[in-house]
Amino acid sequence: MSKFFEAVKRTENDLGGLEFPLTGPEIPPAAPGGSPTVETDAQPQQEPVDRARTTGFPTGTFHTAKIRVSAQAPILPFDGSHLNAAEHYRIIRTKIVQHPAKPRVLCISSTSMGDGKTVSSLNIACSLALKQGSTALLVDVDLRRPQLATLLGLPHRPGLADVLAGTCTLQEAIVQLAELPSLYFLPAGFRATNPAELLDSEAWRNLIASFRSDFDFTIMDSPPVGVVADYDLIQAVCDSVILIARPGHTDRRLLQKGVGRMPEDKFLGLVVNCAEDWFLWHPHPHYYGSYYTRTD
């Protein structure tokens, strides 16, 4: 079993009943200008997921893909080298799972580009898939600027746009990640010139119903709030929305307007990405550091 899964299994206990706001991982967004891509050494050695049991699709419906990620990409921080970031994502997962509304279809968005919504969408989806007995589907619904397939080193097509256009089936577009069989991925597909029309359709609404039926959680990487009409069509079919903000980068006025646009019954919270550590958050760093590294 890979270092990734060994670390995950060692530290998989949730932190329940926390009373502070949603805060995100203290890791920077991926550096621009593609760095070398390396294939992960993780192997699908955990117990295979019974697709016929966990989804409504028959066994063997989805093909399995092995991800190829940049060595510098701040994604999947669950290998033991980023304990702080990994624990933040587990806290976010706990708040989602324990929320009274029990949201299952979540929209992850921001108010400007570069806030880290795509990285956050991927890591939140991964943390939900790591929950025992759960399946998660990660969907790239940013049809104008898709990035998830590039982050994962997977093909962009076929994908969501192809399914909505009727050129392929959902079973042909979804891939199951070999490193984490309970996590599924639906890329954006072809670069659509009419994404609003594709999302304002009966096919889109039927697709959401299928997601609800076949997966425990669906995480959607959405376009920024208020920039294009696509966002409103995505939010309309989701249970909850999580906004991503980045100190020193997010425009406060845009963020305030974005929060004001959120329906009160759907706004789950705000994740602060790349937040600088504050000493009052960790009054006993040596104690907690030794707590997380103890082996007895």
C-alpha atoms as a PDB file:
ATOM      1  CA  MET A   1       0.000   0.000   0.000  1.00  0.00           C
ATOM      2  CA  SER A   2       1.307   3.468  -0.876  1.00  0.00           C
ATOM      3  CA  LYS A   3       2.485   6.108   1.567  1.00  0.00           C
ATOM      4  CA  PHE A   4      -0.668   8.056   0.695  1.00  0.00           C
ATOM      5  CA  PHE A   5      -3.050   5.402   1.941  1.00  0.00           C
ATOM      6  CA  GLU A   6      -0.882   4.417   4.905  1.00  0.00           C
ATOM      7  CA  ALA A   7      -0.977   8.005   6.147  1.00  0.00           C
ATOM      8  CA  VAL A   8      -4.694   8.300   5.493  1.00  0.00           C
ATOM      9  CA  LYS A   9      -5.540   5.194   7.479  1.00  0.00           C
ATOM     10  CA  ARG A  10      -3.372   6.321  10.407  1.00  0.00           C
ATOM     11  CA  THR A  11      -5.042   9.712  10.770  1.00  0.00           C
ATOM     12  CA  GLU A  12      -8.588   9.160   9.565  1.00  0.00           C
ATOM     13  CA  ASN A  13     -10.406  10.169  12.804  1.00  0.00           C
ATOM     14  CA  ASP A  14     -12.721  13.165  12.420  1.00  0.00           C
ATOM     15  CA  LEU A  15     -12.744  16.187  14.740  1.00  0.00           C
ATOM     16  CA  GLY A  16     -16.423  16.584  15.618  1.00  0.00           C
ATOM     17  CA  GLY A  17     -18.321  19.325  17.420  1.00  0.00           C
ATOM     18  CA  LEU A  18     -15.985  22.180  16.481  1.00  0.00           C
ATOM     19  CA  GLU A  19     -17.343  25.685  16.938  1.00  0.00           C
ATOM     20  CA  PHE A  20     -15.061  27.872  14.811  1.00  0.00           C
ATOM     21  CA  PRO A  21     -15.794  29.032  11.229  1.00  0.00           C
ATOM     22  CA  LEU A  22     -14.743  27.074   8.189  1.00  0.00           C
ATOM     23  CA  THR A  23     -11.088  27.757   7.470  1.00  0.00           C
ATOM     24  CA  GLY A  24      -9.075  26.223   4.711  1.00  0.00           C
ATOM     25  CA  PRO A  25      -5.611  24.763   4.242  1.00  0.00           C
ATOM     26  CA  GLU A  26      -2.543  26.914   4.581  1.00  0.00           C
ATOM     27  CA  ILE A  27      -1.020  25.911   1.263  1.00  0.00           C
ATOM     28  CA  PRO A  28      -0.456  28.120  -1.793  1.00  0.00           C
ATOM     29  CA  PRO A  29      -2.231  27.661  -5.123  1.00  0.00           C
ATOM     30  CA  ALA A  30      -0.434  25.694  -7.801  1.00  0.00           C
ATOM     31  CA  ALA A  31       2.471  27.565  -9.323  1.00  0.00           C
ATOM     32  CA  PRO A  32       1.901  28.745 -12.918  1.00  0.00           C
ATOM     33  CA  GLY A  33       3.907  27.381 -15.790  1.00  0.00           C
ATOM     34  CA  GLY A  34       3.689  23.595 -15.736  1.00  0.00           C
ATOM     35  CA  SER A  35       6.146  21.798 -13.592  1.00  0.00           C
ATOM     36  CA  PRO A  36       7.180  18.215 -14.387  1.00  0.00           C
ATOM     37  CA  THR A  37       4.395  15.685 -14.118  1.00  0.00           C
ATOM     38  CA  VAL A  38       5.060  12.531 -12.170  1.00  0.00           C
ATOM     39  CA  GLU A  39       2.927   9.455 -11.877  1.00  0.00           C
ATOM     40  CA  THR A  40       1.850   8.617  -8.360  1.00  0.00           C
ATOM     41  CA  ASP A  41       3.074   5.376  -6.853  1.00  0.00           C
ATOM     42  CA  ALA A  42      -0.278   4.676  -5.258  1.00  0.00           C
ATOM     43  CA  GLN A  43      -1.834   1.392  -6.263  1.00  0.00           C
ATOM     44  CA  PRO A  44      -5.518   0.463  -5.995  1.00  0.00           C
ATOM     45  CA  GLN A  45      -4.783  -2.106  -3.290  1.00  0.00           C
ATOM     46  CA  GLN A  46      -7.557  -1.206  -0.887  1.00  0.00           C
ATOM     47  CA  GLU A  47     -10.660  -3.324  -0.971  1.00  0.00           C
ATOM     48  CA  PRO A  48     -12.374  -2.843  -4.356  1.00  0.00           C
ATOM     49  CA  VAL A  49     -15.597  -0.856  -4.356  1.00  0.00           C
ATOM     50  CA  ASP A  50     -18.656  -2.791  -5.431  1.00  0.00           C
ATOM     51  CA  ARG A  51     -19.944  -0.380  -8.065  1.00  0.00           C
ATOM     52  CA  ALA A  52     -23.263  -2.148  -8.348  1.00  0.00           C
ATOM     53  CA  ARG A  53     -23.740  -1.611  -4.601  1.00  0.00           C
ATOM     54  CA  THR A  54     -22.384   1.929  -4.197  1.00  0.00           C
ATOM     55  CA  THR A  55     -23.927   3.342  -7.379  1.00  0.00           C
ATOM     56  CA  GLY A  56     -26.850   2.503  -9.588  1.00  0.00           C
ATOM     57  CA  PHE A  57     -24.515   1.481 -12.402  1.00  0.00           C
ATOM     58  CA  PRO A  58     -23.653  -2.146 -13.090  1.00  0.00           C
ATOM     59  CA  THR A  59     -20.224  -3.484 -12.198  1.00  0.00           C
ATOM     60  CA  GLY A  60     -17.592  -2.532 -14.755  1.00  0.00           C
ATOM     61  CA  THR A  61     -19.493   0.523 -16.011  1.00  0.00           C
ATOM     62  CA  PHE A  62     -16.707   3.045 -15.417  1.00  0.00           C
ATOM     63  CA  HIS A  63     -13.149   2.746 -16.586  1.00  0.00           C
ATOM     64  CA  THR A  64     -10.393   3.289 -14.043  1.00  0.00           C
ATOM     65  CA  ALA A  65      -7.685   5.916 -14.512  1.00  0.00           C
ATOM     66  CA  LYS A  66      -4.421   6.439 -12.687  1.00  0.00           C
ATOM     67  CA  ILE A  67      -3.765  10.084 -11.897  1.00  0.00           C
ATOM     68  CA  ARG A  68      -0.584  11.918 -12.838  1.00  0.00           C
ATOM     69  CA  VAL A  69       0.018  14.973 -10.675  1.00  0.00           C
ATOM     70  CA  SER A  70       2.605  17.726 -10.580  1.00  0.00           C
ATOM     71  CA  ALA A  71       5.154  17.317  -7.804  1.00  0.00           C
ATOM     72  CA  GLN A  72       4.426  20.937  -6.794  1.00  0.00           C
ATOM     73  CA  ALA A  73       0.632  20.855  -7.018  1.00  0.00           C
ATOM     74  CA  PRO A  74      -1.022  21.474  -3.609  1.00  0.00           C
ATOM     75  CA  ILE A  75      -3.512  18.633  -4.046  1.00  0.00           C
ATOM     76  CA  LEU A  76      -4.216  15.450  -2.073  1.00  0.00           C
ATOM     77  CA  PRO A  77      -2.250  16.566   1.015  1.00  0.00           C
ATOM     78  CA  PHE A  78      -2.909  13.305   2.857  1.00  0.00           C
ATOM     79  CA  ASP A  79       0.489  11.626   2.644  1.00  0.00           C
ATOM     80  CA  GLY A  80       1.632  12.695   6.113  1.00  0.00           C
ATOM     81  CA  SER A  81       3.824  15.592   4.939  1.00  0.00           C
ATOM     82  CA  HIS A  82       1.052  18.214   5.193  1.00  0.00           C
ATOM     83  CA  LEU A  83      -0.703  17.349   8.459  1.00  0.00           C
ATOM     84  CA  ASN A  84      -2.082  20.847   8.957  1.00  0.00           C
ATOM     85  CA  ALA A  85      -3.650  21.068   5.494  1.00  0.00           C
ATOM     86  CA  ALA A  86      -4.980  17.502   5.652  1.00  0.00           C
ATOM     87  CA  GLU A  87      -6.588  18.104   9.043  1.00  0.00           C
ATOM     88  CA  HIS A  88      -8.233  21.303   7.809  1.00  0.00           C
ATOM     89  CA  TYR A  89      -9.890  19.357   5.010  1.00  0.00           C
ATOM     90  CA  ARG A  90     -11.088  16.758   7.498  1.00  0.00           C
ATOM     91  CA  ILE A  91     -12.582  19.562   9.577  1.00  0.00           C
ATOM     92  CA  ILE A  92     -14.364  20.869   6.483  1.00  0.00           C
ATOM     93  CA  ARG A  93     -15.640  17.355   5.772  1.00  0.00           C
ATOM     94  CA  THR A  94     -16.901  17.009   9.336  1.00  0.00           C
ATOM     95  CA  LYS A  95     -18.793  20.291   9.092  1.00  0.00           C
ATOM     96  CA  ILE A  96     -20.400  19.175   5.824  1.00  0.00           C
ATOM     97  CA  VAL A  97     -21.383  15.746   7.134  1.00  0.00           C
ATOM     98  CA  GLN A  98     -22.676  17.062  10.467  1.00  0.00           C
ATOM     99  CA  HIS A  99     -24.561  20.036   9.021  1.00  0.00           C
ATOM    100  CA  PRO A 100     -28.305  19.854   9.826  1.00  0.00           C
ATOM    101  CA  ALA A 101     -29.191  20.261   6.140  1.00  0.00           C
ATOM    102  CA  LYS A 102     -27.240  17.099   5.227  1.00  0.00           C
ATOM    103  CA  PRO A 103     -26.071  18.517   1.871  1.00  0.00           C
ATOM    104  CA  ARG A 104     -25.095  15.974  -0.753  1.00  0.00           C
ATOM    105  CA  VAL A 105     -24.645  18.126  -3.870  1.00  0.00           C
ATOM    106  CA  LEU A 106     -22.258  20.995  -3.171  1.00  0.00           C
ATOM    107  CA  CYS A 107     -21.139  23.907  -5.308  1.00  0.00           C
ATOM    108  CA  ILE A 108     -17.618  25.221  -4.651  1.00  0.00           C
ATOM    109  CA  SER A 109     -17.116  28.747  -5.957  1.00  0.00           C
ATOM    110  CA  SER A 110     -15.315  32.042  -5.384  1.00  0.00           C
ATOM    111  CA  THR A 111     -15.710  35.645  -6.412  1.00  0.00           C
ATOM    112  CA  SER A 112     -12.554  35.922  -8.509  1.00  0.00           C
ATOM    113  CA  MET A 113     -10.028  33.765 -10.311  1.00  0.00           C
ATOM    114  CA  GLY A 114      -7.009  32.545  -8.383  1.00  0.00           C
ATOM    115  CA  ASP A 115      -8.745  32.162  -5.014  1.00  0.00           C
ATOM    116  CA  GLY A 116      -8.107  28.391  -5.015  1.00  0.00           C
ATOM    117  CA  LYS A 117     -11.603  27.018  -5.627  1.00  0.00           C
ATOM    118  CA  THR A 118     -10.420  24.267  -7.988  1.00  0.00           C
ATOM    119  CA  VAL A 119      -7.752  22.947  -5.610  1.00  0.00           C
ATOM    120  CA  SER A 120     -10.241  23.182  -2.743  1.00  0.00           C
ATOM    121  CA  SER A 121     -12.926  21.342  -4.744  1.00  0.00           C
ATOM    122  CA  LEU A 122     -10.560  18.456  -5.434  1.00  0.00           C
ATOM    123  CA  ASN A 123      -9.308  18.165  -1.859  1.00  0.00           C
ATOM    124  CA  ILE A 124     -12.797  18.431  -0.348  1.00  0.00           C
ATOM    125  CA  ALA A 125     -14.037  15.718  -2.716  1.00  0.00           C
ATOM    126  CA  CYS A 126     -11.095  13.515  -1.770  1.00  0.00           C
ATOM    127  CA  SER A 127     -11.717  13.998   1.954  1.00  0.00           C
ATOM    128  CA  LEU A 128     -15.377  13.018   1.495  1.00  0.00           C
ATOM    129  CA  ALA A 129     -14.384   9.946  -0.521  1.00  0.00           C
ATOM    130  CA  LEU A 130     -12.061   8.918   2.306  1.00  0.00           C
ATOM    131  CA  LYS A 131     -15.032   8.726   4.644  1.00  0.00           C
ATOM    132  CA  GLN A 132     -15.666   5.040   5.218  1.00  0.00           C
ATOM    133  CA  GLY A 133     -18.547   3.681   3.172  1.00  0.00           C
ATOM    134  CA  SER A 134     -18.995   6.859   1.101  1.00  0.00           C
ATOM    135  CA  THR A 135     -18.627   7.579  -2.596  1.00  0.00           C
ATOM    136  CA  ALA A 136     -17.918  11.034  -4.015  1.00  0.00           C
ATOM    137  CA  LEU A 137     -18.196  12.412  -7.520  1.00  0.00           C
ATOM    138  CA  LEU A 138     -16.055  15.399  -8.497  1.00  0.00           C
ATOM    139  CA  VAL A 139     -17.483  17.361 -11.443  1.00  0.00           C
ATOM    140  CA  ASP A 140     -15.739  20.121 -13.375  1.00  0.00           C
ATOM    141  CA  VAL A 141     -18.616  22.467 -14.194  1.00  0.00           C
ATOM    142  CA  ASP A 142     -16.360  25.405 -15.053  1.00  0.00           C
ATOM    143  CA  LEU A 143     -16.961  24.783 -18.725  1.00  0.00           C
ATOM    144  CA  ARG A 144     -15.231  27.992 -19.830  1.00  0.00           C
ATOM    145  CA  ARG A 145     -11.961  27.532 -17.891  1.00  0.00           C
ATOM    146  CA  PRO A 146     -11.715  23.857 -16.858  1.00  0.00           C
ATOM    147  CA  GLN A 147      -8.656  22.964 -14.781  1.00  0.00           C
ATOM    148  CA  LEU A 148      -9.368  19.788 -12.823  1.00  0.00           C
ATOM    149  CA  ALA A 149      -8.347  17.352 -15.566  1.00  0.00           C
ATOM    150  CA  THR A 150      -5.029  19.172 -15.941  1.00  0.00           C
ATOM    151  CA  LEU A 151      -4.421  19.034 -12.178  1.00  0.00           C
ATOM    152  CA  LEU A 152      -5.087  15.292 -12.147  1.00  0.00           C
ATOM    153  CA  GLY A 153      -3.221  14.575 -15.362  1.00  0.00           C
ATOM    154  CA  LEU A 154      -6.318  13.029 -16.948  1.00  0.00           C
ATOM    155  CA  PRO A 155      -7.957  13.548 -20.372  1.00  0.00           C
ATOM    156  CA  HIS A 156     -10.388  16.458 -20.670  1.00  0.00           C
ATOM    157  CA  ARG A 157     -12.739  14.471 -22.890  1.00  0.00           C
ATOM    158  CA  PRO A 158     -15.204  12.929 -22.925  1.00  0.00           C
ATOM    159  CA  GLY A 159     -16.815  14.944 -20.169  1.00  0.00           C
ATOM    160  CA  LEU A 160     -19.807  16.890 -18.914  1.00  0.00           C
ATOM    161  CA  ALA A 161     -20.275  19.048 -22.002  1.00  0.00           C
ATOM    162  CA  ASP A 162     -20.167  15.954 -24.221  1.00  0.00           C
ATOM    163  CA  VAL A 163     -22.813  14.251 -22.075  1.00  0.00           C
ATOM    164  CA  LEU A 164     -25.088  17.313 -22.135  1.00  0.00           C
ATOM    165  CA  ALA A 165     -24.617  17.651 -25.901  1.00  0.00           C
ATOM    166  CA  GLY A 166     -25.611  14.017 -26.334  1.00  0.00           C
ATOM    167  CA  THR A 167     -22.372  12.890 -27.961  1.00  0.00           C
ATOM    168  CA  CYS A 168     -21.490  10.358 -25.249  1.00  0.00           C
ATOM    169  CA  THR A 169     -23.053   8.631 -22.260  1.00  0.00           C
ATOM    170  CA  LEU A 170     -22.408   9.395 -18.612  1.00  0.00           C
ATOM    171  CA  GLN A 171     -20.843   5.973 -18.188  1.00  0.00           C
ATOM    172  CA  GLU A 172     -18.333   6.788 -20.938  1.00  0.00           C
ATOM    173  CA  ALA A 173     -17.390  10.136 -19.398  1.00  0.00           C
ATOM    174  CA  ILE A 174     -16.965   9.309 -15.684  1.00  0.00           C
ATOM    175  CA  VAL A 175     -13.672   7.804 -14.540  1.00  0.00           C
ATOM    176  CA  GLN A 176     -12.925   6.032 -11.273  1.00  0.00           C
ATOM    177  CA  LEU A 177      -9.602   7.028  -9.710  1.00  0.00           C
ATOM    178  CA  ALA A 178      -7.355   4.014  -9.268  1.00  0.00           C
ATOM    179  CA  GLU A 179      -5.679   5.482  -6.175  1.00  0.00           C
ATOM    180  CA  LEU A 180      -9.015   6.012  -4.421  1.00  0.00           C
ATOM    181  CA  PRO A 181     -11.773   3.796  -5.865  1.00  0.00           C
ATOM    182  CA  SER A 182     -14.518   5.611  -3.954  1.00  0.00           C
ATOM    183  CA  LEU A 183     -13.721   8.872  -5.785  1.00  0.00           C
ATOM    184  CA  TYR A 184     -15.120   9.392  -9.276  1.00  0.00           C
ATOM    185  CA  PHE A 185     -14.366  12.238 -11.678  1.00  0.00           C
ATOM    186  CA  LEU A 186     -16.357  13.840 -14.489  1.00  0.00           C
ATOM    187  CA  PRO A 187     -14.190  16.271 -16.498  1.00  0.00           C
ATOM    188  CA  ALA A 188     -15.604  19.321 -18.252  1.00  0.00           C
ATOM    189  CA  GLY A 189     -15.419  17.881 -21.754  1.00  0.00           C
ATOM    190  CA  PHE A 190     -15.125  19.957 -24.915  1.00  0.00           C
ATOM    191  CA  ARG A 191     -14.731  23.737 -24.569  1.00  0.00           C
ATOM    192  CA  ALA A 192     -18.340  24.770 -24.978  1.00  0.00           C
ATOM    193  CA  THR A 193     -19.249  28.041 -26.648  1.00  0.00           C
ATOM    194  CA  ASN A 194     -22.733  27.913 -25.141  1.00  0.00           C
ATOM    195  CA  PRO A 195     -22.300  26.589 -21.572  1.00  0.00           C
ATOM    196  CA  ALA A 196     -25.327  28.495 -20.255  1.00  0.00           C
ATOM    197  CA  GLU A 197     -27.553  26.781 -22.799  1.00  0.00           C
ATOM    198  CA  LEU A 198     -26.134  23.377 -21.886  1.00  0.00           C
ATOM    199  CA  LEU A 199     -26.790  23.995 -18.184  1.00  0.00           C
ATOM    200  CA  ASP A 200     -30.241  25.509 -18.698  1.00  0.00           C
ATOM    201  CA  SER A 201     -31.666  22.235 -19.960  1.00  0.00           C
ATOM    202  CA  GLU A 202     -33.660  19.222 -18.899  1.00  0.00           C
ATOM    203  CA  ALA A 203     -30.592  17.077 -19.567  1.00  0.00           C
ATOM    204  CA  TRP A 204     -28.663  18.976 -16.859  1.00  0.00           C
ATOM    205  CA  ARG A 205     -31.455  18.598 -14.314  1.00  0.00           C
ATOM    206  CA  ASN A 206     -31.788  14.890 -15.119  1.00  0.00           C
ATOM    207  CA  LEU A 207     -28.042  14.509 -14.680  1.00  0.00           C
ATOM    208  CA  ILE A 208     -28.198  16.020 -11.187  1.00  0.00           C
ATOM    209  CA  ALA A 209     -30.972  13.591 -10.271  1.00  0.00           C
ATOM    210  CA  SER A 210     -28.712  10.759 -11.426  1.00  0.00           C
ATOM    211  CA  PHE A 211     -25.837  12.067  -9.297  1.00  0.00           C
ATOM    212  CA  ARG A 212     -28.087  12.163  -6.241  1.00  0.00           C
ATOM    213  CA  SER A 213     -29.216   8.630  -6.860  1.00  0.00           C
ATOM    214  CA  ASP A 214     -25.827   7.091  -7.511  1.00  0.00           C
ATOM    215  CA  PHE A 215     -23.305   8.902  -5.284  1.00  0.00           C
ATOM    216  CA  ASP A 216     -23.243   9.898  -1.627  1.00  0.00           C
ATOM    217  CA  PHE A 217     -21.662  13.284  -2.381  1.00  0.00           C
ATOM    218  CA  THR A 218     -21.254  15.364  -5.519  1.00  0.00           C
ATOM    219  CA  ILE A 219     -18.733  18.224  -5.487  1.00  0.00           C
ATOM    220  CA  MET A 220     -18.930  20.757  -8.314  1.00  0.00           C
ATOM    221  CA  ASP A 221     -16.097  23.089  -9.249  1.00  0.00           C
ATOM    222  CA  SER A 222     -18.143  26.084 -10.396  1.00  0.00           C
ATOM    223  CA  PRO A 223     -17.292  29.340 -12.204  1.00  0.00           C
ATOM    224  CA  PRO A 224     -16.913  32.418  -9.983  1.00  0.00           C
ATOM    225  CA  VAL A 225     -20.041  34.017  -8.531  1.00  0.00           C
ATOM    226  CA  GLY A 226     -21.638  36.772 -10.597  1.00  0.00           C
ATOM    227  CA  VAL A 227     -19.193  36.547 -13.511  1.00  0.00           C
ATOM    228  CA  VAL A 228     -21.212  34.379 -15.900  1.00  0.00           C
ATOM    229  CA  ALA A 229     -24.747  33.006 -15.994  1.00  0.00           C
ATOM    230  CA  ASP A 230     -23.427  29.472 -15.561  1.00  0.00           C
ATOM    231  CA  TYR A 231     -22.984  29.898 -11.807  1.00  0.00           C
ATOM    232  CA  ASP A 232     -26.654  30.638 -11.124  1.00  0.00           C
ATOM    233  CA  LEU A 233     -27.716  27.573 -13.114  1.00  0.00           C
ATOM    234  CA  ILE A 234     -25.317  25.421 -11.098  1.00  0.00           C
ATOM    235  CA  GLN A 235     -26.307  26.874  -7.734  1.00  0.00           C
ATOM    236  CA  ALA A 236     -29.984  26.318  -8.514  1.00  0.00           C
ATOM    237  CA  VAL A 237     -29.594  22.526  -8.533  1.00  0.00           C
ATOM    238  CA  CYS A 238     -27.185  22.254  -5.577  1.00  0.00           C
ATOM    239  CA  ASP A 239     -28.005  21.754  -1.907  1.00  0.00           C
ATOM    240  CA  SER A 240     -25.310  24.092  -0.586  1.00  0.00           C
ATOM    241  CA  VAL A 241     -22.604  26.516  -1.669  1.00  0.00           C
ATOM    242  CA  ILE A 242     -19.129  26.956  -0.187  1.00  0.00           C
ATOM    243  CA  LEU A 243     -17.199  30.093  -1.109  1.00  0.00           C
ATOM    244  CA  ILE A 244     -13.402  30.167  -1.280  1.00  0.00           C
ATOM    245  CA  ALA A 245     -11.511  33.349  -0.360  1.00  0.00           C
ATOM    246  CA  ARG A 246      -7.788  34.078  -0.362  1.00  0.00           C
ATOM    247  CA  PRO A 247      -6.325  36.801   1.893  1.00  0.00           C
ATOM    248  CA  GLY A 248      -4.357  39.414  -0.017  1.00  0.00           C
ATOM    249  CA  HIS A 249      -5.936  38.333  -3.287  1.00  0.00           C
ATOM    250  CA  THR A 250      -9.738  38.286  -3.011  1.00  0.00           C
ATOM    251  CA  ASP A 251     -11.419  41.639  -3.614  1.00  0.00           C
ATOM    252  CA  ARG A 252     -13.359  42.354  -0.415  1.00  0.00           C
ATOM    253  CA  ARG A 253     -16.103  44.238  -2.220  1.00  0.00           C
ATOM    254  CA  LEU A 254     -16.638  41.374  -4.636  1.00  0.00           C
ATOM    255  CA  LEU A 255     -16.615  38.917  -1.747  1.00  0.00           C
ATOM    256  CA  GLN A 256     -19.220  40.951   0.127  1.00  0.00           C
ATOM    257  CA  LYS A 257     -21.410  41.084  -2.967  1.00  0.00           C
ATOM    258  CA  GLY A 258     -20.927  37.364  -3.525  1.00  0.00           C
ATOM    259  CA  VAL A 259     -21.995  36.517   0.014  1.00  0.00           C
ATOM    260  CA  GLY A 260     -24.996  38.803  -0.436  1.00  0.00           C
ATOM    261  CA  ARG A 261     -26.053  36.791  -3.489  1.00  0.00           C
ATOM    262  CA  MET A 262     -26.110  33.540  -1.527  1.00  0.00           C
ATOM    263  CA  PRO A 263     -29.529  32.173  -0.565  1.00  0.00           C
ATOM    264  CA  GLU A 264     -29.452  31.888   3.219  1.00  0.00           C
ATOM    265  CA  ASP A 265     -30.617  28.279   3.118  1.00  0.00           C
ATOM    266  CA  LYS A 266     -27.780  27.303   0.749  1.00  0.00           C
ATOM    267  CA  PHE A 267     -24.752  29.222   1.985  1.00  0.00           C
ATOM    268  CA  LEU A 268     -22.802  26.627   3.957  1.00  0.00           C
ATOM    269  CA  GLY A 269     -19.739  28.701   4.768  1.00  0.00           C
ATOM    270  CA  LEU A 270     -16.528  30.408   3.697  1.00  0.00           C
ATOM    271  CA  VAL A 271     -13.187  28.622   3.358  1.00  0.00           C
ATOM    272  CA  VAL A 272     -10.158  30.887   3.793  1.00  0.00           C
ATOM    273  CA  ASN A 273      -7.420  29.563   1.534  1.00  0.00           C
ATOM    274  CA  CYS A 274      -3.692  30.273   2.033  1.00  0.00           C
ATOM    275  CA  ALA A 275      -4.376  31.788   5.447  1.00  0.00           C
ATOM    276  CA  GLU A 276      -1.288  32.764   7.427  1.00  0.00           C
ATOM    277  CA  ASP A 277      -0.943  30.988  10.746  1.00  0.00           C
ATOM    278  CA  TRP A 278      -1.971  32.999  13.788  1.00  0.00           C
ATOM    279  CA  PHE A 279      -0.482  32.172  17.174  1.00  0.00           C
ATOM    280  CA  LEU A 280      -3.842  32.385  18.967  1.00  0.00           C
ATOM    281  CA  TRP A 281      -5.205  29.551  16.799  1.00  0.00           C
ATOM    282  CA  HIS A 282      -2.586  27.155  18.203  1.00  0.00           C
ATOM    283  CA  PRO A 283      -1.894  28.100  21.837  1.00  0.00           C
ATOM    284  CA  HIS A 284       0.041  24.878  22.458  1.00  0.00           C
ATOM    285  CA  PRO A 285       1.801  24.005  19.193  1.00  0.00           C
ATOM    286  CA  HIS A 286       4.340  21.687  20.802  1.00  0.00           C
ATOM    287  CA  TYR A 287       1.623  19.735  22.574  1.00  0.00           C
ATOM    288  CA  TYR A 288      -0.492  19.250  19.462  1.00  0.00           C
ATOM    289  CA  GLY A 289       2.534  18.517  17.317  1.00  0.00           C
ATOM    290  CA  SER A 290       3.570  15.705  19.625  1.00  0.00           C
ATOM    291  CA  TYR A 291      -0.043  14.520  19.873  1.00  0.00           C
ATOM    292  CA  TYR A 292      -0.325  13.991  16.125  1.00  0.00           C
ATOM    293  CA  THR A 293       3.054  12.282  15.852  1.00  0.00           C
ATOM    294  CA  ARG A 294       2.786   9.890  18.786  1.00  0.00           C
ATOM    295  CA  THR A 295       2.893   6.217  17.905  1.00  0.00           C
ATOM    296  CA  ASP A 296       2.149   4.639  21.296  1.00  0.00           C
END
